[in-house]
Amino acid sequence: MSLTDRYGLPVSTASTVAAERYQEGMDKLLSYSFGADRAFAAAVAADAGFALGHAGAALFALFQGDGSTAKAAIDRARGLVAGATRREQQHVEALAAIAAGEAARGLGLIDEHVKEFPRDALLVNQAGSSIGLGGRADREEFRVAFVERLAPAYGDDWWFHSALAFTYHEVGRYEESRRLSERSLEQYPGNANASHNIAHICYETVDNEGGIARLSDWLGGYDRRAPFYCHLAWHLALFELQCGRPARALEIFERDIAASSNPRLAMIDGSALLWRFGLYDYKDGPLPWRRLADLATRVTRPGFIFGDVHAALAYASAGDEAALSTLIAGLRALDAKGHPIAGTVALPLVQGVAAYVAGDHAEALARIGSVDGEIHRVGGSHAQWELFEETMVVCQLRLGHYDDALRLLRRRLAYRPSPRDIVWLGQVQSARDVPETR
């Protein structure tokens, strides 16, 4: 009898221990629990020739932003997988493309692969949670369709419920997302993906105090060493900022983000949080940007555009002109090779960030505004990429472009009645003496 993964797919190892540890690694990676890396390491310790064990280690390293470790692990997997099943060979090849920064090709390989192997959950998870989905303009709708069509293969499965729920809240299907997330937590209470979905739903429906209560309670039972603790802490800090409590948000940054075991998320989430301190006029003395800039130099890799635009926040704010110039040169090089958004979307954002920090709000607005409507293509959730829209609002206010600010704020408020947007709207109305028209 052949050994299988947790979704019944055969795995090419004769070691029961290797197969069991691989299944454990799958569960921990799919739920973003602590110890996935240890489980995959145990799998290859039991069978050094187990290609999928090495591929699992590569997936974990990618999530941590450790490109060199990911490449070494995937290279080992590629060297071992020739004698494995065709499914495993395709699995490894798709991950190799992702690890090499060829996101669009890797996602294309996964899309084709899961037509035949829909229960290859680690690949579905990688594609469904991919930050940028290859820079697609229709990425949110594409992700819903991609995950939704696989539903018959999974039935009442705890991980799939949370994966589908994530796609739903990004297109405004909040109640469906909440229902699936709650069901996932009933089945697997430690699923950080499901709690993450609920944090997003609370944010988008402006239930900030409810989000704080729900997330704080859940985090009490979540291992601080887990790779997603940092990001859930960022959501908690964001709720505190929305409630006008910057001191609490900064405490969360110091305790749970800056000290995170996941350097990639620490850089991204830390930068996204500290940038808001400046936008919201919450700065009270210098902010710890240097630490984030140092992290950025460790975790950025070619083709990871979402990381690049956040690294730009850190480099510009820390005054690291050399790192910023290197980043810009890298985006131009990717653009020259035909990358879909490196030059057309990411570069204007990075240049806008640099101009904003330099105090040139007109240039910042021109650069960021040139890609208004395309910003979502860099990846991440709405809660993450809306940071650049907020930067546009602040530029408009500081330049006295009140009509433009009013249009943008009304557009944003039609989507979500953000407390910060309401404050900014009041500032516009005071400056223009315009009555409330919402």
Protein backbone atom coordinates (compact mmCIF):
# COMPACT_ATOMS: atom_id res chain seq x y z
CA MET A 1 0.00 0.00 0.00
CA SER A 2 1.46 3.36 -1.03
CA LEU A 3 1.85 6.21 1.39
CA THR A 4 -0.09 9.42 0.80
CA ASP A 5 -0.30 13.03 1.91
CA ARG A 6 -3.23 14.28 3.98
CA TYR A 7 -5.37 14.70 0.83
CA GLY A 8 -4.81 11.14 -0.38
CA LEU A 9 -2.19 11.88 -3.04
CA PRO A 10 0.64 9.28 -3.25
CA VAL A 11 4.06 10.40 -2.03
CA SER A 12 7.26 8.78 -3.24
CA THR A 13 8.84 7.57 -0.03
CA ALA A 14 9.06 4.15 1.56
CA SER A 15 9.37 5.69 5.02
CA THR A 16 6.20 5.83 7.09
CA VAL A 17 7.89 8.36 9.36
CA ALA A 18 8.77 10.62 6.41
CA ALA A 19 5.18 10.50 5.14
CA GLU A 20 3.75 11.23 8.60
CA ARG A 21 6.09 14.15 9.18
CA TYR A 22 5.28 15.48 5.71
CA GLN A 23 1.56 15.37 6.51
CA GLU A 24 2.28 17.17 9.77
CA GLY A 25 4.22 19.81 7.85
CA MET A 26 1.31 20.24 5.45
CA ASP A 27 -1.14 20.82 8.30
CA LYS A 28 1.15 23.30 10.00
CA LEU A 29 1.88 25.19 6.80
CA LEU A 30 -1.76 25.27 5.69
CA SER A 31 -2.82 26.57 9.11
CA TYR A 32 0.28 28.76 9.54
CA SER A 33 1.02 27.04 12.84
CA PHE A 34 4.44 26.85 14.43
CA GLY A 35 6.72 24.00 13.41
CA ALA A 36 6.14 23.39 9.70
CA ASP A 37 9.86 23.77 9.05
CA ARG A 38 10.67 21.25 11.78
CA ALA A 39 8.18 18.75 10.39
CA PHE A 40 9.58 18.98 6.86
CA ALA A 41 13.11 18.70 8.24
CA ALA A 42 12.06 15.56 10.09
CA ALA A 43 10.58 14.17 6.89
CA VAL A 44 13.85 14.51 4.97
CA ALA A 45 15.83 13.28 7.97
CA ALA A 46 13.79 10.08 7.76
CA ASP A 47 14.25 9.88 3.98
CA ALA A 48 16.89 12.16 2.46
CA GLY A 49 15.67 11.24 -1.02
CA PHE A 50 12.10 12.39 -0.41
CA ALA A 51 11.69 15.19 -2.97
CA LEU A 52 8.41 16.57 -1.63
CA GLY A 53 9.93 16.91 1.84
CA HIS A 54 12.56 19.23 0.39
CA ALA A 55 9.87 21.07 -1.60
CA GLY A 56 7.92 21.61 1.61
CA ALA A 57 11.01 23.10 3.22
CA ALA A 58 11.34 25.43 0.23
CA LEU A 59 7.74 26.58 0.62
CA PHE A 60 8.31 27.46 4.25
CA ALA A 61 11.50 29.35 3.41
CA LEU A 62 9.68 31.31 0.71
CA PHE A 63 7.07 32.36 3.23
CA GLN A 64 9.84 33.57 5.53
CA GLY A 65 11.49 35.54 2.73
CA ASP A 66 14.59 33.34 2.89
CA GLY A 67 15.32 33.10 -0.82
CA SER A 68 18.69 31.36 -0.58
CA THR A 69 17.35 28.58 1.65
CA ALA A 70 14.31 28.18 -0.61
CA LYS A 71 16.49 27.89 -3.70
CA ALA A 72 18.78 25.33 -2.10
CA ALA A 73 15.82 23.22 -0.95
CA ILE A 74 14.04 23.36 -4.31
CA ASP A 75 17.29 22.50 -6.11
CA ARG A 76 17.56 19.39 -3.93
CA ALA A 77 13.94 18.53 -4.71
CA ARG A 78 14.52 18.91 -8.45
CA GLY A 79 17.56 16.66 -8.27
CA LEU A 80 15.55 13.93 -6.55
CA VAL A 81 12.14 14.05 -8.16
CA ALA A 82 12.93 12.34 -11.48
CA GLY A 83 11.97 8.94 -10.10
CA ALA A 84 8.80 10.18 -8.41
CA THR A 85 5.28 10.42 -9.84
CA ARG A 86 4.36 12.88 -12.55
CA ARG A 87 2.25 14.75 -10.02
CA GLU A 88 5.25 15.25 -7.76
CA GLN A 89 7.46 16.27 -10.68
CA GLN A 90 4.97 18.94 -11.74
CA HIS A 91 4.58 20.05 -8.11
CA VAL A 92 8.32 20.64 -7.78
CA GLU A 93 8.65 22.35 -11.17
CA ALA A 94 5.89 24.85 -10.34
CA LEU A 95 7.52 25.69 -7.02
CA ALA A 96 10.90 26.04 -8.72
CA ALA A 97 9.45 28.73 -10.98
CA ILE A 98 7.97 30.58 -7.98
CA ALA A 99 11.27 30.34 -6.09
CA ALA A 100 13.13 31.73 -9.11
CA GLY A 101 10.91 34.83 -9.10
CA GLU A 102 8.97 33.70 -12.18
CA ALA A 103 5.60 34.19 -10.51
CA ALA A 104 3.50 34.36 -13.65
CA ARG A 105 5.00 31.16 -15.06
CA GLY A 106 4.73 29.36 -11.75
CA LEU A 107 1.10 30.33 -11.30
CA GLY A 108 0.38 29.21 -14.86
CA LEU A 109 1.93 25.83 -14.13
CA ILE A 110 -0.14 25.50 -10.95
CA ASP A 111 -3.33 26.51 -12.75
CA GLU A 112 -2.77 23.75 -15.32
CA HIS A 113 -1.61 21.21 -12.71
CA VAL A 114 -4.65 21.45 -10.46
CA LYS A 115 -7.00 20.71 -13.34
CA GLU A 116 -5.76 17.14 -13.00
CA PHE A 117 -4.71 17.21 -9.34
CA PRO A 118 -7.16 19.56 -7.59
CA ARG A 119 -6.29 18.15 -4.15
CA ASP A 120 -2.62 19.19 -4.36
CA ALA A 121 -3.38 21.56 -1.52
CA LEU A 122 0.06 23.07 -0.98
CA LEU A 123 0.09 24.30 -4.57
CA VAL A 124 -3.50 25.53 -4.36
CA ASN A 125 -2.58 27.39 -1.18
CA GLN A 126 0.50 28.89 -2.82
CA ALA A 127 -1.51 30.13 -5.79
CA GLY A 128 -4.55 31.25 -3.82
CA SER A 129 -2.49 33.22 -1.32
CA SER A 130 0.10 34.51 -3.77
CA ILE A 131 0.63 38.18 -3.06
CA GLY A 132 0.50 39.50 -6.59
CA LEU A 133 -0.91 36.65 -8.68
CA GLY A 134 1.55 37.58 -11.40
CA GLY A 135 0.49 41.23 -11.53
CA ARG A 136 -2.92 40.44 -13.03
CA ALA A 137 -5.34 43.36 -13.36
CA ASP A 138 -8.21 41.00 -12.51
CA ARG A 139 -6.41 39.22 -9.71
CA GLU A 140 -9.21 39.31 -7.10
CA GLU A 141 -11.82 37.90 -9.48
CA PHE A 142 -9.32 35.41 -10.91
CA ARG A 143 -8.47 34.14 -7.44
CA VAL A 144 -12.13 33.61 -6.56
CA ALA A 145 -12.71 31.65 -9.76
CA PHE A 146 -9.49 29.65 -9.33
CA VAL A 147 -10.29 28.50 -5.77
CA GLU A 148 -14.06 28.22 -6.18
CA ARG A 149 -13.86 25.75 -9.03
CA LEU A 150 -11.92 23.34 -6.81
CA ALA A 151 -14.63 23.16 -4.14
CA PRO A 152 -16.06 19.80 -5.26
CA ALA A 153 -12.66 18.18 -4.69
CA TYR A 154 -12.49 19.24 -1.03
CA GLY A 155 -15.99 18.98 0.40
CA ASP A 156 -16.24 19.97 4.07
CA ASP A 157 -12.52 20.56 4.58
CA TRP A 158 -11.19 22.96 7.23
CA TRP A 159 -8.32 24.34 5.17
CA PHE A 160 -10.30 24.76 1.96
CA HIS A 161 -13.04 26.65 3.78
CA SER A 162 -10.50 29.22 4.94
CA ALA A 163 -8.82 29.42 1.53
CA LEU A 164 -12.12 30.12 -0.21
CA ALA A 165 -13.17 32.53 2.54
CA PHE A 166 -10.07 34.63 1.90
CA THR A 167 -10.98 35.10 -1.74
CA TYR A 168 -14.52 36.11 -0.80
CA HIS A 169 -13.73 38.94 1.59
CA GLU A 170 -11.46 40.53 -1.01
CA VAL A 171 -14.44 40.93 -3.35
CA GLY A 172 -16.85 42.14 -0.68
CA ARG A 173 -18.62 38.82 0.03
CA TYR A 174 -18.19 39.30 3.77
CA GLU A 175 -20.98 37.13 5.13
CA GLU A 176 -19.96 34.14 3.02
CA SER A 177 -16.36 34.65 4.10
CA ARG A 178 -17.36 34.86 7.76
CA ARG A 179 -19.51 31.72 7.55
CA LEU A 180 -16.73 29.66 5.95
CA SER A 181 -14.11 31.00 8.36
CA GLU A 182 -16.23 30.17 11.40
CA ARG A 183 -16.81 26.67 10.05
CA SER A 184 -13.06 26.23 9.53
CA LEU A 185 -12.35 27.27 13.12
CA GLU A 186 -14.96 24.83 14.40
CA GLN A 187 -13.09 22.07 12.60
CA TYR A 188 -9.53 23.25 13.26
CA PRO A 189 -9.43 25.92 16.01
CA GLY A 190 -5.74 26.62 15.42
CA ASN A 191 -6.19 27.71 11.80
CA ALA A 192 -4.58 31.14 11.58
CA ASN A 193 -5.88 31.54 8.03
CA ALA A 194 -9.47 31.53 9.28
CA SER A 195 -8.76 34.02 12.09
CA HIS A 196 -6.96 36.18 9.55
CA ASN A 197 -10.07 36.23 7.38
CA ILE A 198 -12.21 37.37 10.29
CA ALA A 199 -9.72 40.17 11.03
CA HIS A 200 -10.11 41.36 7.45
CA ILE A 201 -13.89 41.22 7.64
CA CYS A 202 -13.86 43.30 10.85
CA TYR A 203 -11.53 45.83 9.22
CA GLU A 204 -13.56 46.20 6.03
CA THR A 205 -16.86 46.46 7.94
CA VAL A 206 -15.29 48.96 10.39
CA ASP A 207 -15.84 46.72 13.41
CA ASN A 208 -12.53 47.79 14.90
CA GLU A 209 -13.34 47.18 18.56
CA GLY A 210 -14.88 43.82 17.67
CA GLY A 211 -11.77 42.96 15.70
CA ILE A 212 -9.56 43.80 18.65
CA ALA A 213 -11.62 41.65 21.01
CA ARG A 214 -11.84 38.68 18.66
CA LEU A 215 -8.22 38.73 17.52
CA SER A 216 -6.75 39.37 20.97
CA ASP A 217 -8.64 36.39 22.34
CA TRP A 218 -7.52 34.09 19.51
CA LEU A 219 -3.89 35.21 19.66
CA GLY A 220 -3.81 34.18 23.32
CA GLY A 221 -3.64 30.55 22.18
CA TYR A 222 -1.39 31.06 19.15
CA ASP A 223 2.33 30.36 19.40
CA ARG A 224 4.32 33.59 19.12
CA ARG A 225 6.93 31.70 17.11
CA ALA A 226 4.41 30.88 14.40
CA PRO A 227 5.15 32.48 11.03
CA PHE A 228 1.85 34.38 10.84
CA TYR A 229 1.85 35.84 14.36
CA CYS A 230 3.51 38.99 13.06
CA HIS A 231 0.83 39.61 10.45
CA LEU A 232 -2.06 39.03 12.82
CA ALA A 233 -0.37 41.41 15.26
CA TRP A 234 -0.24 43.96 12.42
CA HIS A 235 -3.99 43.62 12.02
CA LEU A 236 -4.36 44.22 15.75
CA ALA A 237 -2.15 47.32 15.54
CA LEU A 238 -4.14 48.56 12.56
CA PHE A 239 -7.36 48.27 14.56
CA GLU A 240 -5.75 50.32 17.33
CA LEU A 241 -4.72 53.02 14.84
CA GLN A 242 -8.25 53.13 13.44
CA CYS A 243 -9.49 53.67 17.01
CA GLY A 244 -7.04 56.54 17.50
CA ARG A 245 -4.69 54.73 19.89
CA PRO A 246 -1.21 55.03 18.33
CA ALA A 247 0.64 54.28 21.56
CA ARG A 248 -0.95 50.83 21.70
CA ALA A 249 -0.15 50.26 18.05
CA LEU A 250 3.49 51.14 18.62
CA GLU A 251 3.64 48.76 21.58
CA ILE A 252 2.40 45.97 19.31
CA PHE A 253 5.02 46.91 16.73
CA GLU A 254 7.85 46.63 19.24
CA ARG A 255 6.59 43.47 20.91
CA ASP A 256 5.18 41.42 18.06
CA ILE A 257 6.29 42.81 14.70
CA ALA A 258 9.86 44.09 14.99
CA ALA A 259 10.81 41.02 17.05
CA SER A 260 9.03 38.55 14.75
CA SER A 261 10.57 35.24 13.70
CA ASN A 262 9.37 36.01 10.16
CA PRO A 263 11.68 38.73 8.79
CA ARG A 264 9.78 39.17 5.53
CA LEU A 265 6.48 39.89 7.25
CA ALA A 266 8.22 42.00 9.90
CA MET A 267 9.56 44.26 7.15
CA ILE A 268 6.32 44.44 5.18
CA ASP A 269 3.95 44.81 8.10
CA GLY A 270 6.27 47.05 10.08
CA SER A 271 6.73 49.42 7.16
CA ALA A 272 3.01 49.51 6.41
CA LEU A 273 2.30 50.37 10.05
CA LEU A 274 4.98 53.02 10.59
CA TRP A 275 4.12 54.74 7.28
CA ARG A 276 0.59 55.24 8.59
CA PHE A 277 1.97 56.98 11.68
CA GLY A 278 3.23 59.71 9.37
CA LEU A 279 0.08 59.86 7.26
CA TYR A 280 -2.15 60.08 10.33
CA ASP A 281 0.01 62.72 12.06
CA TYR A 282 0.81 60.31 14.89
CA LYS A 283 4.57 60.82 14.78
CA ASP A 284 6.01 61.72 18.19
CA GLY A 285 9.73 61.61 17.66
CA PRO A 286 11.76 59.42 15.29
CA LEU A 287 10.39 56.05 14.26
CA PRO A 288 12.55 52.88 14.06
CA TRP A 289 12.87 52.81 10.28
CA ARG A 290 16.52 51.74 10.23
CA ARG A 291 15.68 48.31 11.59
CA LEU A 292 13.12 47.80 8.85
CA ALA A 293 15.51 48.99 6.15
CA ASP A 294 18.08 46.47 7.36
CA LEU A 295 15.44 43.73 7.22
CA ALA A 296 14.51 44.79 3.70
CA THR A 297 18.03 44.15 2.46
CA ARG A 298 17.74 40.58 3.78
CA VAL A 299 14.35 39.58 2.40
CA THR A 300 13.84 41.35 -0.94
CA ARG A 301 14.25 39.14 -4.00
CA PRO A 302 13.82 39.72 -7.75
CA GLY A 303 10.22 39.61 -8.88
CA PHE A 304 8.66 39.96 -5.42
CA ILE A 305 7.06 43.29 -6.23
CA PHE A 306 4.92 43.51 -3.11
CA GLY A 307 8.08 43.28 -1.04
CA ASP A 308 9.80 45.89 -3.19
CA VAL A 309 7.15 48.57 -2.69
CA HIS A 310 7.29 48.05 1.07
CA ALA A 311 11.08 48.02 1.08
CA ALA A 312 10.86 51.42 -0.60
CA LEU A 313 8.91 52.76 2.38
CA ALA A 314 11.69 51.61 4.70
CA TYR A 315 14.63 52.73 2.55
CA ALA A 316 13.19 56.19 1.86
CA SER A 317 12.16 56.76 5.48
CA ALA A 318 15.57 55.62 6.76
CA GLY A 319 17.34 57.89 4.26
CA ASP A 320 19.07 54.95 2.59
CA GLU A 321 19.55 56.44 -0.88
CA ALA A 322 21.91 53.69 -2.01
CA ALA A 323 19.43 50.91 -1.24
CA LEU A 324 16.62 52.87 -2.84
CA SER A 325 18.65 53.42 -6.00
CA THR A 326 19.49 49.72 -6.17
CA LEU A 327 15.81 48.88 -5.77
CA ILE A 328 14.82 51.25 -8.57
CA ALA A 329 17.52 49.82 -10.84
CA GLY A 330 16.22 46.34 -10.14
CA LEU A 331 12.68 47.31 -11.09
CA ARG A 332 13.93 48.85 -14.33
CA ALA A 333 15.87 45.68 -15.12
CA LEU A 334 12.76 43.57 -14.54
CA ASP A 335 10.77 45.94 -16.74
CA ALA A 336 13.33 45.54 -19.52
CA LYS A 337 12.82 41.77 -19.31
CA GLY A 338 9.07 42.18 -19.80
CA HIS A 339 7.79 42.01 -16.22
CA PRO A 340 4.10 43.01 -16.33
CA ILE A 341 4.14 45.58 -13.52
CA ALA A 342 7.71 46.24 -12.34
CA GLY A 343 8.11 49.33 -14.49
CA THR A 344 4.52 50.28 -15.15
CA VAL A 345 3.07 50.08 -11.62
CA ALA A 346 5.74 49.39 -8.99
CA LEU A 347 8.30 51.92 -10.21
CA PRO A 348 5.93 54.93 -10.06
CA LEU A 349 4.90 53.87 -6.54
CA VAL A 350 8.51 53.61 -5.39
CA GLN A 351 9.38 56.96 -6.98
CA GLY A 352 6.29 58.48 -5.38
CA VAL A 353 7.35 57.19 -1.98
CA ALA A 354 10.81 58.72 -2.40
CA ALA A 355 9.30 62.06 -3.42
CA TYR A 356 6.90 62.03 -0.48
CA VAL A 357 9.68 61.49 2.05
CA ALA A 358 11.67 64.26 0.36
CA GLY A 359 8.72 66.61 0.91
CA ASP A 360 7.85 66.93 -2.79
CA HIS A 361 4.15 66.23 -2.50
CA ALA A 362 3.38 67.35 -6.04
CA GLU A 363 5.84 64.84 -7.50
CA ALA A 364 4.65 62.12 -5.14
CA LEU A 365 1.05 62.71 -6.16
CA ALA A 366 1.93 62.73 -9.84
CA ARG A 367 3.83 59.44 -9.59
CA ILE A 368 1.33 57.55 -7.42
CA GLY A 369 -1.67 59.11 -9.13
CA SER A 370 -0.41 57.91 -12.51
CA VAL A 371 -1.21 54.34 -11.45
CA ASP A 372 -4.41 55.01 -9.52
CA GLY A 373 -6.68 52.09 -10.32
CA GLU A 374 -3.69 49.78 -10.92
CA ILE A 375 -2.21 49.78 -7.41
CA HIS A 376 -3.94 46.54 -6.44
CA ARG A 377 -1.81 44.74 -9.03
CA VAL A 378 1.25 44.88 -6.76
CA GLY A 379 -0.56 42.37 -4.55
CA GLY A 380 -1.64 41.98 -0.99
CA SER A 381 -5.07 42.67 0.42
CA HIS A 382 -7.09 45.85 0.14
CA ALA A 383 -6.06 46.68 3.71
CA GLN A 384 -2.44 46.59 2.55
CA TRP A 385 -2.38 48.33 -0.82
CA GLU A 386 -4.82 51.10 0.17
CA LEU A 387 -1.83 52.65 1.93
CA PHE A 388 -0.88 54.28 -1.37
CA GLU A 389 -4.35 55.74 -1.83
CA GLU A 390 -4.06 57.23 1.64
CA THR A 391 -0.72 58.74 0.67
CA MET A 392 -2.45 60.38 -2.29
CA VAL A 393 -5.09 61.88 0.03
CA VAL A 394 -2.43 63.38 2.29
CA CYS A 395 -0.57 64.84 -0.70
CA GLN A 396 -3.79 66.40 -1.99
CA LEU A 397 -4.52 67.95 1.41
CA ARG A 398 -1.02 69.37 1.79
CA LEU A 399 -1.12 70.80 -1.73
CA GLY A 400 -4.55 72.31 -1.19
CA HIS A 401 -6.08 70.18 -3.96
CA TYR A 402 -9.36 69.95 -2.08
CA ASP A 403 -11.61 69.08 -5.01
CA ASP A 404 -9.37 66.13 -5.90
CA ALA A 405 -9.19 65.06 -2.27
CA LEU A 406 -12.98 65.23 -1.99
CA ARG A 407 -13.43 63.00 -5.04
CA LEU A 408 -10.95 60.42 -3.80
CA LEU A 409 -12.37 60.42 -0.27
CA ARG A 410 -15.93 60.00 -1.53
CA ARG A 411 -14.78 57.07 -3.65
CA ARG A 412 -13.07 55.47 -0.68
CA LEU A 413 -15.95 56.12 1.70
CA ALA A 414 -18.37 54.53 -0.74
CA TYR A 415 -16.31 51.35 -0.35
CA ARG A 416 -15.67 51.52 3.39
CA PRO A 417 -16.57 54.20 5.98
CA SER A 418 -13.02 54.45 7.33
CA PRO A 419 -12.66 56.58 10.47
CA ARG A 420 -9.49 58.16 9.07
CA ASP A 421 -11.20 59.08 5.80
CA ILE A 422 -14.00 60.71 7.78
CA VAL A 423 -11.41 62.82 9.62
CA TRP A 424 -9.81 63.81 6.32
CA LEU A 425 -13.21 64.60 4.83
CA GLY A 426 -13.83 66.97 7.74
CA GLN A 427 -10.54 68.69 7.01
CA VAL A 428 -11.50 69.13 3.36
CA GLN A 429 -14.90 70.49 4.28
CA SER A 430 -13.41 72.93 6.77
CA ALA A 431 -10.94 74.16 4.15
CA ARG A 432 -13.61 74.52 1.45
CA ASP A 433 -16.58 75.27 3.73
CA VAL A 434 -18.51 72.55 1.91
CA PRO A 435 -21.50 70.97 3.74
CA GLU A 436 -21.66 67.22 4.33
CA THR A 437 -23.00 65.48 1.23
CA ARG A 438 -22.33 61.81 1.93
